[in-house]
Amino acid sequence: MLNLNGISIRPAADSELPLIKELARRIWPETYGKILTPAQIDYMIEMMYALPVLQRERGEGISFDLICDGDRPVGFLSYGPYRKEPLTMKLHKLYLDFSYHGRGIGSNALQYAIDVARKQGYRFLRLNVNKENENALRAYRRNGFQQVEAVKIDIGGGFFMDDFVMEIAL
């Protein structure tokens, strides 16, 4: 758990997993509204945030944490083992309400994930980021991440994720 100037990061309880989807529904349109179609945003939220998906991921060792301003959840992150490379943790998600951008909260959450990965003995932290998400790309680069590859992933429904894979050595 991290607490800094009233902003805390704490594990999400099982009963709070539906809140992760609510936060995604609130945050994604602002994050991806100029990058993805509304249909793709809806498709991806259902694909990635349906309660059975979140429960399955948690059962596979993925952690879900809430970023809170006092008691109010304003963002979330998830991370866990990267199955393709045993010494690598994957940061699956890191989202924050736009009204909280520009305050260093996202960077603190990223540093939190880096610290968790180090404490668990990982050598690398890896993530995917949409190639057109300039704000996130700048934040990841500013925090020491480097692009290691570019991928285009067919996610079904006629949609693709067109991402950079970024990584930081721990």
Protein backbone atom coordinates (compact mmCIF):
# COMPACT_ATOMS: atom_id res chain seq x y z
CA MET A 1 0.00 0.00 0.00
CA LEU A 2 1.25 3.46 -0.92
CA ASN A 3 -0.11 6.68 0.56
CA LEU A 4 1.18 10.01 -0.71
CA ASN A 5 -0.57 13.35 -0.18
CA GLY A 6 -3.96 11.73 0.28
CA ILE A 7 -3.57 9.52 -2.80
CA SER A 8 -3.25 5.85 -1.97
CA ILE A 9 -2.75 2.64 -3.87
CA ARG A 10 -4.23 -0.46 -2.31
CA PRO A 11 -5.24 -3.95 -3.38
CA ALA A 12 -8.79 -4.23 -4.72
CA ALA A 13 -10.95 -6.68 -2.79
CA ASP A 14 -12.82 -9.36 -4.74
CA SER A 15 -16.03 -7.41 -4.12
CA GLU A 16 -14.42 -4.35 -5.76
CA LEU A 17 -13.62 -6.01 -9.09
CA PRO A 18 -16.83 -4.61 -10.67
CA LEU A 19 -15.51 -1.16 -9.73
CA ILE A 20 -12.53 -1.74 -12.04
CA LYS A 21 -14.96 -2.01 -14.97
CA GLU A 22 -16.84 1.12 -13.84
CA LEU A 23 -13.57 3.04 -13.74
CA ALA A 24 -12.63 1.74 -17.21
CA ARG A 25 -16.02 2.87 -18.57
CA ARG A 26 -15.37 6.32 -17.14
CA ILE A 27 -11.69 6.65 -18.13
CA TRP A 28 -11.43 4.89 -21.50
CA PRO A 29 -13.55 7.30 -23.58
CA GLU A 30 -11.27 10.17 -22.56
CA THR A 31 -8.12 8.11 -23.03
CA TYR A 32 -9.01 6.51 -26.36
CA GLY A 33 -11.80 8.70 -27.79
CA LYS A 34 -9.50 10.21 -30.43
CA ILE A 35 -7.69 6.94 -31.14
CA LEU A 36 -10.37 4.21 -31.23
CA THR A 37 -13.96 4.10 -32.38
CA PRO A 38 -16.70 3.98 -29.73
CA ALA A 39 -17.50 0.46 -30.96
CA GLN A 40 -13.94 -0.71 -30.33
CA ILE A 41 -13.87 0.94 -26.90
CA ASP A 42 -17.10 -0.85 -25.93
CA TYR A 43 -15.82 -4.14 -27.35
CA MET A 44 -12.53 -3.93 -25.49
CA ILE A 45 -14.12 -2.96 -22.17
CA GLU A 46 -16.38 -6.02 -22.35
CA MET A 47 -13.49 -8.22 -23.51
CA MET A 48 -11.09 -7.06 -20.79
CA TYR A 49 -13.26 -6.01 -17.87
CA ALA A 50 -16.20 -8.42 -17.66
CA LEU A 51 -16.31 -9.77 -14.11
CA PRO A 52 -15.55 -13.40 -15.13
CA VAL A 53 -12.46 -12.15 -17.02
CA LEU A 54 -11.20 -10.18 -14.00
CA GLN A 55 -11.88 -13.15 -11.69
CA ARG A 56 -10.04 -15.53 -14.03
CA GLU A 57 -7.07 -13.16 -14.27
CA ARG A 58 -6.93 -12.79 -10.49
CA GLY A 59 -6.91 -16.60 -10.26
CA GLU A 60 -3.95 -16.63 -12.65
CA GLY A 61 -1.92 -14.42 -10.31
CA ILE A 62 -2.72 -10.97 -11.67
CA SER A 63 -3.05 -8.30 -8.99
CA PHE A 64 -5.58 -5.47 -9.18
CA ASP A 65 -4.96 -2.30 -7.20
CA LEU A 66 -7.09 0.81 -6.80
CA ILE A 67 -5.71 4.33 -6.86
CA CYS A 68 -7.77 6.37 -4.40
CA ASP A 69 -8.12 9.99 -3.43
CA GLY A 70 -9.11 9.51 0.18
CA ASP A 71 -11.85 6.89 -0.08
CA ARG A 72 -12.75 7.72 -3.72
CA PRO A 73 -11.29 5.39 -6.39
CA VAL A 74 -9.83 7.49 -9.22
CA GLY A 75 -7.84 4.88 -11.11
CA PHE A 76 -6.43 1.38 -11.11
CA LEU A 77 -3.54 -0.80 -12.14
CA SER A 78 -3.04 -4.50 -12.68
CA TYR A 79 0.13 -6.52 -13.01
CA GLY A 80 1.40 -10.06 -12.80
CA PRO A 81 3.79 -12.65 -14.14
CA TYR A 82 4.58 -12.49 -17.85
CA ARG A 83 4.25 -16.11 -18.91
CA LYS A 84 6.50 -15.81 -21.97
CA GLU A 85 9.51 -14.67 -19.92
CA PRO A 86 9.85 -15.90 -16.33
CA LEU A 87 11.97 -12.97 -15.08
CA THR A 88 9.49 -10.40 -16.38
CA MET A 89 6.40 -8.89 -14.76
CA LYS A 90 3.73 -7.45 -17.03
CA LEU A 91 1.93 -4.23 -16.24
CA HIS A 92 -1.44 -4.99 -17.81
CA LYS A 93 -3.32 -1.83 -16.95
CA LEU A 94 -2.68 1.62 -15.50
CA TYR A 95 -5.49 4.16 -15.80
CA LEU A 96 -6.23 7.37 -13.96
CA ASP A 97 -9.11 9.85 -14.19
CA PHE A 98 -8.11 12.73 -16.45
CA SER A 99 -8.78 15.26 -13.69
CA TYR A 100 -5.83 13.67 -11.83
CA HIS A 101 -3.36 13.83 -14.74
CA GLY A 102 -0.40 16.16 -14.48
CA ARG A 103 0.08 15.73 -10.73
CA GLY A 104 2.64 12.92 -10.77
CA ILE A 105 0.10 10.36 -9.60
CA GLY A 106 0.51 8.17 -12.69
CA SER A 107 4.29 8.23 -12.30
CA ASN A 108 3.92 7.32 -8.62
CA ALA A 109 1.66 4.41 -9.59
CA LEU A 110 4.22 3.32 -12.17
CA GLN A 111 7.00 3.49 -9.57
CA TYR A 112 4.79 1.48 -7.23
CA ALA A 113 4.49 -1.27 -9.89
CA ILE A 114 8.27 -1.15 -10.45
CA ASP A 115 8.85 -1.54 -6.68
CA VAL A 116 6.44 -4.49 -6.51
CA ALA A 117 8.23 -6.17 -9.43
CA ARG A 118 11.64 -5.65 -7.80
CA LYS A 119 10.44 -6.98 -4.42
CA GLN A 120 9.06 -10.08 -6.14
CA GLY A 121 12.42 -10.75 -7.80
CA TYR A 122 11.61 -9.79 -11.38
CA ARG A 123 14.37 -8.38 -13.60
CA PHE A 124 12.08 -6.52 -16.07
CA LEU A 125 8.71 -4.80 -16.15
CA ARG A 126 6.97 -4.87 -19.53
CA LEU A 127 3.81 -3.24 -20.86
CA ASN A 128 1.91 -2.60 -24.06
CA VAL A 129 0.78 0.91 -25.00
CA ASN A 130 -1.26 2.09 -27.96
CA LYS A 131 1.08 3.64 -30.53
CA GLU A 132 -1.07 6.78 -30.67
CA ASN A 133 -1.42 7.29 -26.90
CA GLU A 134 1.10 10.15 -26.77
CA ASN A 135 0.47 11.04 -23.11
CA ALA A 136 1.16 7.51 -21.94
CA LEU A 137 4.18 7.12 -24.23
CA ARG A 138 5.72 10.31 -22.80
CA ALA A 139 5.04 9.17 -19.24
CA TYR A 140 6.57 5.74 -19.78
CA ARG A 141 9.66 7.18 -21.48
CA ARG A 142 10.04 9.76 -18.72
CA ASN A 143 10.02 6.88 -16.23
CA GLY A 144 12.77 4.94 -17.99
CA PHE A 145 10.82 2.57 -20.25
CA GLN A 146 12.15 1.84 -23.71
CA GLN A 147 10.38 0.46 -26.75
CA VAL A 148 11.40 -3.15 -27.45
CA GLU A 149 8.97 -4.02 -30.25
CA ALA A 150 5.86 -3.01 -32.15
CA VAL A 151 2.88 -5.39 -32.35
CA LYS A 152 -0.51 -5.51 -34.01
CA ILE A 153 -2.78 -7.94 -32.17
CA ASP A 154 -6.07 -9.24 -33.58
CA ILE A 155 -8.52 -9.12 -30.66
CA GLY A 156 -11.55 -10.33 -32.61
CA GLY A 157 -14.65 -8.49 -33.71
CA GLY A 158 -12.67 -6.99 -36.59
CA PHE A 159 -10.55 -4.99 -34.11
CA PHE A 160 -6.81 -4.79 -33.48
CA MET A 161 -4.55 -3.45 -30.76
CA ASP A 162 -1.73 -1.55 -32.48
CA ASP A 163 0.84 -1.22 -29.70
CA PHE A 164 4.40 -0.59 -28.74
CA VAL A 165 5.84 -3.03 -26.23
CA MET A 166 7.91 -1.14 -23.69
CA GLU A 167 10.16 -2.42 -20.95
CA ILE A 168 12.35 -1.27 -18.10
CA ALA A 169 15.21 -3.23 -16.56
CA LEU A 170 14.91 -3.47 -12.81
